[in-house]
Amino acid sequence: MSEITREAVLTALSKVQEPELHQDLVTLGMVRDIEIEGDEVSFTVMLTTPACPLRGKIEKESREAVLATGAKKVSVKLDSDVPNDGRMRGLVSMPIRNAIAVASGKGGVGKSTVSVNLAVALAQSGARVGLMDADIYGPNVPTMMGAPDMPEPQGQRLMPAETYGVKMMSMGFLAKPGQPLIWRGPMLNSAIRQFLSDVEWGELDYLIIDLPPGTGDASLSLAQALPLSGVVVVTMPQAVSIEDASRGLEMFRTLNVPIIGVVENMSYLTLPDGSRMDVFGQGGGEAMAKAAGVPFLGSIPLDPKVRIGGDTGKPIVINDPESDAAKALLVLAQSVAASVSVAALGGNNAPTINVV
């Protein structure tokens, strides 16, 4: 048998395509640390996100390609290096590679639930994740994440709380329980900027921002203060929710913020006999996404365990990972991570328009 060479391994792997980026692993620089001992080969594939939805396919095809060189044993290690979207975020002291807003046109559609579970799912995959609760008027993230208090400040820096591997900051940490926040636009703008500039976030692969509902000052202030990788729009199936979500989507489009896609929450209820009840209608989110020309990121079923998880500070992706809702949220996290990686590596780095 002829000796297996590094060049032969690279040639074999140059035939393996990264499914999302449509280029081969070698051209993308994803192959690292090739080691050859006789007929045994090991190497690392650096994925663009630890939440890669096609990691199994990449691993299988890489192993098969190298086995075809005559290797008897092939060890493939999957690691990740999340790309930076290229946007300058001067208010933040440490690099935030991707900033993803979660928005809705109206309240009560489960936007905070999606934000929390999206952040936790990404952290579970191995990513460095922050969660900023910018819903100033209804800061529910501390309750939903089981973090009633934040650490003591260190000097002039606010220290984020951390649970489930997610760093988080919320006005809920700073206001007294039950205290109403009666703020006008300039105060909102100041609070959001402080959450960015005065919090010790550290280096993050993803910062998830839970926005307040609607198209008001907080969303405008955020788009002005923090260039966004993109926004996920949450809706429910019924017409009134779709109408409001469409307005929110078009607002972000006007601000030149990339639309990652639309997710439909509370899509259906699974009954004990296995049948589905469309409590709030059917297919509205997908139809909205199609009409707007943006991706549809999937449907999340209505499940009482989601509400229980939020009330008890145990997100459903942690508390019941095998439930249909948790699986749908995991797929959502993988889709969002893949989308921002493709945009970052594809040169989709147009500057965000600042609104004065």
Protein backbone atom coordinates (compact mmCIF):
# COMPACT_ATOMS: atom_id res chain seq x y z
CA MET A 1 0.00 0.00 0.00
CA SER A 2 1.36 3.44 -0.90
CA GLU A 3 2.03 5.92 1.88
CA ILE A 4 -0.81 8.30 2.73
CA THR A 5 0.36 11.90 2.38
CA ARG A 6 -0.94 15.21 3.69
CA GLU A 7 -1.49 16.30 0.09
CA ALA A 8 -3.64 13.22 -0.56
CA VAL A 9 -5.76 13.99 2.51
CA LEU A 10 -6.24 17.61 1.45
CA THR A 11 -7.11 16.56 -2.08
CA ALA A 12 -9.75 14.17 -0.71
CA LEU A 13 -11.23 16.82 1.59
CA SER A 14 -11.30 19.37 -1.23
CA LYS A 15 -14.15 17.31 -2.64
CA VAL A 16 -16.27 17.74 0.52
CA GLN A 17 -18.63 20.70 0.32
CA GLU A 18 -19.75 22.85 3.24
CA PRO A 19 -23.52 22.54 2.64
CA GLU A 20 -24.44 26.09 3.66
CA LEU A 21 -21.54 27.95 2.05
CA HIS A 22 -21.36 25.80 -1.10
CA GLN A 23 -17.56 25.70 -1.12
CA ASP A 24 -15.20 22.90 -0.20
CA LEU A 25 -13.67 22.54 3.26
CA VAL A 26 -10.09 23.14 2.08
CA THR A 27 -10.87 26.34 0.16
CA LEU A 28 -12.74 27.64 3.21
CA GLY A 29 -9.74 26.89 5.44
CA MET A 30 -11.80 24.62 7.68
CA VAL A 31 -9.31 21.71 7.80
CA ARG A 32 -6.75 21.88 10.60
CA ASP A 33 -4.25 19.72 12.48
CA ILE A 34 -3.82 16.84 10.02
CA GLU A 35 -1.86 13.97 11.57
CA ILE A 36 -0.88 10.77 9.75
CA GLU A 37 0.55 7.65 11.40
CA GLY A 38 0.80 4.81 8.93
CA ASP A 39 -2.74 4.07 7.78
CA GLU A 40 -4.37 6.15 10.55
CA VAL A 41 -5.39 9.75 9.85
CA SER A 42 -6.80 12.39 12.19
CA PHE A 43 -7.77 15.99 11.55
CA THR A 44 -10.01 18.79 12.77
CA VAL A 45 -12.82 20.48 10.85
CA MET A 46 -13.47 24.02 12.11
CA LEU A 47 -17.17 24.70 11.71
CA THR A 48 -18.51 28.23 11.41
CA THR A 49 -20.77 27.69 14.44
CA PRO A 50 -20.95 25.05 17.18
CA ALA A 51 -24.70 24.97 16.47
CA CYS A 52 -24.12 23.83 12.90
CA PRO A 53 -27.28 21.95 11.83
CA LEU A 54 -25.33 19.81 9.32
CA ARG A 55 -22.35 18.83 11.44
CA GLY A 56 -23.19 15.12 11.16
CA LYS A 57 -23.26 15.32 7.36
CA ILE A 58 -19.91 17.15 7.26
CA GLU A 59 -18.29 14.64 9.62
CA LYS A 60 -19.61 11.63 7.66
CA GLU A 61 -18.54 12.95 4.26
CA SER A 62 -15.11 13.99 5.55
CA ARG A 63 -14.46 10.56 7.03
CA GLU A 64 -15.60 8.77 3.86
CA ALA A 65 -13.42 11.00 1.66
CA VAL A 66 -10.27 10.25 3.66
CA LEU A 67 -11.04 6.53 3.89
CA ALA A 68 -11.01 6.53 0.09
CA THR A 69 -7.30 7.44 0.21
CA GLY A 70 -6.54 4.02 1.69
CA ALA A 71 -6.66 4.99 5.36
CA LYS A 72 -7.90 2.23 7.68
CA LYS A 73 -8.84 4.50 10.59
CA VAL A 74 -9.99 8.12 10.35
CA SER A 75 -10.61 10.35 13.39
CA VAL A 76 -12.54 13.55 12.71
CA LYS A 77 -12.72 16.21 15.42
CA LEU A 78 -15.33 18.95 15.00
CA ASP A 79 -14.46 22.33 16.49
CA SER A 80 -15.80 25.78 15.69
CA ASP A 81 -14.72 29.35 15.09
CA VAL A 82 -17.70 31.68 14.80
CA PRO A 83 -17.03 34.38 12.17
CA ASN A 84 -17.40 38.05 12.98
CA ASP A 85 -20.06 39.82 10.93
CA GLY A 86 -17.64 42.72 10.35
CA ARG A 87 -19.80 45.39 11.95
CA MET A 88 -18.11 47.91 14.26
CA ARG A 89 -19.63 48.04 17.75
CA GLY A 90 -17.73 50.86 19.39
CA LEU A 91 -19.89 51.03 22.53
CA VAL A 92 -18.83 47.51 23.55
CA SER A 93 -15.36 47.05 25.04
CA MET A 94 -14.94 43.40 24.00
CA PRO A 95 -15.72 41.87 20.60
CA ILE A 96 -19.29 40.78 19.98
CA ARG A 97 -19.06 38.74 16.80
CA ASN A 98 -22.79 38.69 16.04
CA ALA A 99 -25.69 40.70 17.51
CA ILE A 100 -29.14 39.22 16.89
CA ALA A 101 -32.36 41.01 17.82
CA VAL A 102 -35.60 39.16 18.52
CA ALA A 103 -38.62 41.33 17.77
CA SER A 104 -42.39 41.20 17.44
CA GLY A 105 -45.07 43.57 16.30
CA LYS A 106 -47.24 43.02 19.36
CA GLY A 107 -46.95 41.71 22.89
CA GLY A 108 -47.95 38.27 24.08
CA VAL A 109 -46.55 36.28 21.16
CA GLY A 110 -43.74 34.64 23.14
CA LYS A 111 -40.86 36.83 22.01
CA SER A 112 -39.03 36.61 25.34
CA THR A 113 -39.58 32.84 25.41
CA VAL A 114 -37.96 32.57 21.98
CA SER A 115 -35.09 34.87 23.03
CA VAL A 116 -34.33 32.91 26.20
CA ASN A 117 -34.46 29.48 24.59
CA LEU A 118 -32.50 30.67 21.55
CA ALA A 119 -29.72 31.96 23.83
CA VAL A 120 -29.65 28.81 25.98
CA ALA A 121 -29.67 26.49 22.95
CA LEU A 122 -26.71 28.34 21.43
CA ALA A 123 -24.84 28.21 24.74
CA GLN A 124 -25.53 24.48 25.04
CA SER A 125 -23.88 23.96 21.67
CA GLY A 126 -20.68 25.49 23.04
CA ALA A 127 -21.01 29.10 21.88
CA ARG A 128 -20.25 32.15 24.05
CA VAL A 129 -23.62 33.83 24.42
CA GLY A 130 -25.01 36.99 25.99
CA LEU A 131 -28.68 37.90 26.43
CA MET A 132 -29.65 41.56 26.70
CA ASP A 133 -33.18 42.22 27.92
CA ALA A 134 -34.00 45.45 26.09
CA ASP A 135 -37.71 45.07 26.83
CA ILE A 136 -37.48 47.97 29.27
CA TYR A 137 -41.19 48.05 30.10
CA GLY A 138 -41.58 44.30 30.66
CA PRO A 139 -38.19 42.90 31.71
CA ASN A 140 -39.04 39.21 32.16
CA VAL A 141 -35.70 37.62 31.32
CA PRO A 142 -34.44 37.34 34.95
CA THR A 143 -37.53 35.35 35.92
CA MET A 144 -37.42 33.16 32.81
CA MET A 145 -33.70 32.45 33.30
CA GLY A 146 -33.92 31.83 37.04
CA ALA A 147 -31.59 34.73 37.88
CA PRO A 148 -33.31 37.15 40.27
CA ASP A 149 -30.11 39.05 41.11
CA MET A 150 -26.99 40.28 39.34
CA PRO A 151 -23.45 40.25 40.77
CA GLU A 152 -22.01 43.30 42.51
CA PRO A 153 -20.48 45.87 40.13
CA GLN A 154 -16.72 45.90 39.79
CA GLY A 155 -15.60 49.49 39.81
CA GLN A 156 -17.58 51.33 37.13
CA ARG A 157 -18.50 48.11 35.30
CA LEU A 158 -21.79 46.24 35.65
CA MET A 159 -21.31 42.48 35.84
CA PRO A 160 -23.86 40.36 33.99
CA ALA A 161 -25.67 37.54 35.75
CA GLU A 162 -25.04 34.08 34.31
CA THR A 163 -27.18 30.95 34.19
CA TYR A 164 -27.15 28.00 31.79
CA GLY A 165 -23.91 29.37 30.33
CA VAL A 166 -25.59 32.62 29.21
CA LYS A 167 -24.50 36.07 30.43
CA MET A 168 -27.45 38.40 30.83
CA MET A 169 -28.40 41.95 31.69
CA SER A 170 -31.89 43.29 32.28
CA MET A 171 -33.63 46.31 33.71
CA GLY A 172 -35.34 43.73 35.91
CA PHE A 173 -32.10 43.57 37.91
CA LEU A 174 -32.04 47.33 38.48
CA ALA A 175 -35.69 48.17 39.19
CA LYS A 176 -37.57 47.28 42.36
CA PRO A 177 -40.11 44.43 41.96
CA GLY A 178 -43.41 45.83 40.71
CA GLN A 179 -41.96 49.27 40.04
CA PRO A 180 -43.38 50.74 36.81
CA LEU A 181 -40.87 52.21 34.38
CA ILE A 182 -42.46 55.36 32.97
CA TRP A 183 -39.78 56.44 30.55
CA ARG A 184 -39.67 58.56 27.43
CA GLY A 185 -37.45 58.02 24.40
CA PRO A 186 -34.22 59.72 25.59
CA MET A 187 -34.24 57.70 28.83
CA LEU A 188 -34.72 54.48 26.86
CA ASN A 189 -31.85 55.40 24.57
CA SER A 190 -29.60 56.07 27.57
CA ALA A 191 -30.49 52.76 29.25
CA ILE A 192 -29.81 50.72 26.11
CA ARG A 193 -26.48 52.45 25.56
CA GLN A 194 -25.52 51.78 29.19
CA PHE A 195 -26.35 48.10 28.77
CA LEU A 196 -23.87 48.05 25.91
CA SER A 197 -21.08 50.30 27.15
CA ASP A 198 -21.04 49.67 30.93
CA VAL A 199 -21.61 45.90 31.11
CA GLU A 200 -18.63 43.53 31.21
CA TRP A 201 -19.88 41.19 28.51
CA GLY A 202 -16.50 39.73 27.61
CA GLU A 203 -15.99 38.29 24.14
CA LEU A 204 -19.20 36.81 22.73
CA ASP A 205 -20.01 34.74 19.68
CA TYR A 206 -23.64 35.84 19.89
CA LEU A 207 -25.48 38.61 21.74
CA ILE A 208 -29.23 37.96 21.70
CA ILE A 209 -31.32 41.10 22.27
CA ASP A 210 -34.91 40.72 23.47
CA LEU A 211 -36.67 43.85 22.18
CA PRO A 212 -39.93 45.30 23.43
CA PRO A 213 -42.90 44.74 21.13
CA GLY A 214 -43.83 47.24 18.47
CA THR A 215 -41.92 49.80 16.45
CA GLY A 216 -41.17 52.35 19.14
CA ASP A 217 -38.17 54.16 20.60
CA ALA A 218 -36.36 51.13 22.02
CA SER A 219 -36.05 49.39 18.66
CA LEU A 220 -34.95 52.58 16.95
CA SER A 221 -32.42 53.33 19.70
CA LEU A 222 -30.96 49.85 19.48
CA ALA A 223 -30.60 49.98 15.70
CA GLN A 224 -28.81 53.30 16.11
CA ALA A 225 -26.52 52.25 18.95
CA LEU A 226 -25.66 48.68 17.95
CA PRO A 227 -25.19 47.51 14.36
CA LEU A 228 -27.14 44.26 14.14
CA SER A 229 -26.25 41.07 12.33
CA GLY A 230 -29.97 40.59 11.82
CA VAL A 231 -33.38 40.29 13.40
CA VAL A 232 -35.68 37.33 14.06
CA VAL A 233 -39.36 38.30 13.89
CA VAL A 234 -41.74 36.34 16.12
CA THR A 235 -45.43 36.09 15.32
CA MET A 236 -48.46 33.94 16.01
CA PRO A 237 -50.64 32.46 13.25
CA GLN A 238 -53.67 34.74 13.58
CA ALA A 239 -54.26 37.73 11.29
CA VAL A 240 -53.89 40.51 13.88
CA SER A 241 -50.50 39.16 14.98
CA ILE A 242 -49.35 38.83 11.37
CA GLU A 243 -50.38 42.43 10.60
CA ASP A 244 -48.36 43.82 13.51
CA ALA A 245 -45.37 41.55 12.90
CA SER A 246 -45.29 42.65 9.26
CA ARG A 247 -45.05 46.27 10.35
CA GLY A 248 -42.15 45.43 12.65
CA LEU A 249 -40.39 43.51 9.90
CA GLU A 250 -40.72 46.40 7.46
CA MET A 251 -39.42 48.84 10.08
CA PHE A 252 -36.20 46.85 10.38
CA ARG A 253 -35.97 46.57 6.62
CA THR A 254 -36.24 50.38 6.44
CA LEU A 255 -33.38 50.62 8.95
CA ASN A 256 -31.29 48.34 6.71
CA VAL A 257 -31.17 45.60 9.36
CA PRO A 258 -30.98 42.14 7.71
CA ILE A 259 -34.08 40.01 8.33
CA ILE A 260 -32.90 36.56 9.43
CA GLY A 261 -36.42 35.23 9.17
CA VAL A 262 -39.85 34.72 10.72
CA VAL A 263 -40.71 32.17 13.39
CA GLU A 264 -44.32 31.24 14.18
CA ASN A 265 -44.91 30.63 17.88
CA MET A 266 -47.87 28.79 19.44
CA SER A 267 -48.59 27.27 16.04
CA TYR A 268 -50.69 24.34 17.20
CA LEU A 269 -51.63 22.27 20.24
CA THR A 270 -51.03 18.53 20.19
CA LEU A 271 -53.99 16.71 21.76
CA PRO A 272 -53.74 13.47 23.81
CA ASP A 273 -54.80 11.39 20.80
CA GLY A 274 -51.91 12.82 18.76
CA SER A 275 -54.03 15.09 16.58
CA ARG A 276 -53.32 18.82 16.30
CA MET A 277 -55.63 21.71 17.13
CA ASP A 278 -54.95 25.04 15.41
CA VAL A 279 -55.86 27.24 18.36
CA PHE A 280 -54.78 30.52 16.75
CA GLY A 281 -55.20 29.68 13.07
CA GLN A 282 -52.81 28.03 10.67
CA GLY A 283 -49.88 28.98 8.45
CA GLY A 284 -49.90 32.74 9.00
CA GLY A 285 -46.20 32.99 9.81
CA GLU A 286 -45.11 31.05 6.77
CA ALA A 287 -47.40 33.07 4.51
CA MET A 288 -46.04 36.30 6.00
CA ALA A 289 -42.46 35.23 5.40
CA LYS A 290 -43.24 34.27 1.80
CA ALA A 291 -44.98 37.59 1.16
CA ALA A 292 -42.03 39.51 2.63
CA GLY A 293 -39.49 37.44 0.73
CA VAL A 294 -37.63 36.29 3.84
CA PRO A 295 -36.90 32.80 5.26
CA PHE A 296 -39.48 31.00 7.37
CA LEU A 297 -37.57 29.62 10.37
CA GLY A 298 -40.21 27.17 11.55
CA SER A 299 -43.17 26.63 13.84
CA ILE A 300 -43.09 26.21 17.61
CA PRO A 301 -46.04 24.28 19.08
CA LEU A 302 -48.18 25.49 21.96
CA ASP A 303 -47.07 23.53 25.03
CA PRO A 304 -47.92 24.25 28.71
CA LYS A 305 -44.39 23.14 29.62
CA VAL A 306 -43.03 26.21 27.83
CA ARG A 307 -45.02 28.47 30.14
CA ILE A 308 -44.06 26.41 33.21
CA GLY A 309 -40.39 26.62 32.22
CA GLY A 310 -40.62 30.40 31.91
CA ASP A 311 -42.37 30.79 35.27
CA THR A 312 -39.87 28.57 37.11
CA GLY A 313 -36.70 29.84 35.45
CA LYS A 314 -36.05 26.56 33.65
CA PRO A 315 -36.23 27.07 29.86
CA ILE A 316 -37.82 24.16 28.05
CA VAL A 317 -34.65 23.38 26.05
CA ILE A 318 -33.13 22.57 29.47
CA ASN A 319 -36.14 21.23 31.33
CA ASP A 320 -37.68 18.99 28.63
CA PRO A 321 -35.26 18.78 25.68
CA GLU A 322 -37.14 15.88 24.07
CA SER A 323 -40.43 17.80 23.80
CA ASP A 324 -41.62 18.95 20.39
CA ALA A 325 -41.35 22.60 21.46
CA ALA A 326 -37.75 22.19 22.64
CA LYS A 327 -36.77 20.40 19.44
CA ALA A 328 -38.35 23.17 17.36
CA LEU A 329 -36.44 25.80 19.34
CA LEU A 330 -33.19 23.87 18.87
CA VAL A 331 -33.75 23.78 15.10
CA LEU A 332 -34.46 27.52 15.25
CA ALA A 333 -31.14 28.13 17.03
CA GLN A 334 -29.26 26.07 14.45
CA SER A 335 -30.97 27.89 11.57
CA VAL A 336 -30.22 31.33 13.02
CA ALA A 337 -26.57 30.43 13.71
CA ALA A 338 -26.13 29.04 10.19
CA SER A 339 -27.76 32.11 8.65
CA VAL A 340 -25.52 34.65 10.38
CA SER A 341 -22.41 32.58 9.59
CA VAL A 342 -23.32 32.42 5.91
CA ALA A 343 -23.96 36.19 5.87
CA ALA A 344 -20.66 36.94 7.66
CA LEU A 345 -18.58 34.75 5.34
CA GLY A 346 -20.50 35.81 2.26
CA GLY A 347 -19.59 39.46 2.57
CA ASN A 348 -23.09 40.58 3.55
CA ASN A 349 -21.68 43.34 5.76
CA ALA A 350 -23.45 46.42 4.57
CA PRO A 351 -23.37 49.15 7.24
CA THR A 352 -26.49 49.78 9.25
CA ILE A 353 -28.17 53.13 8.65
CA ASN A 354 -28.17 55.23 11.79
CA VAL A 355 -31.40 57.04 12.60
CA VAL A 356 -30.88 60.42 14.20
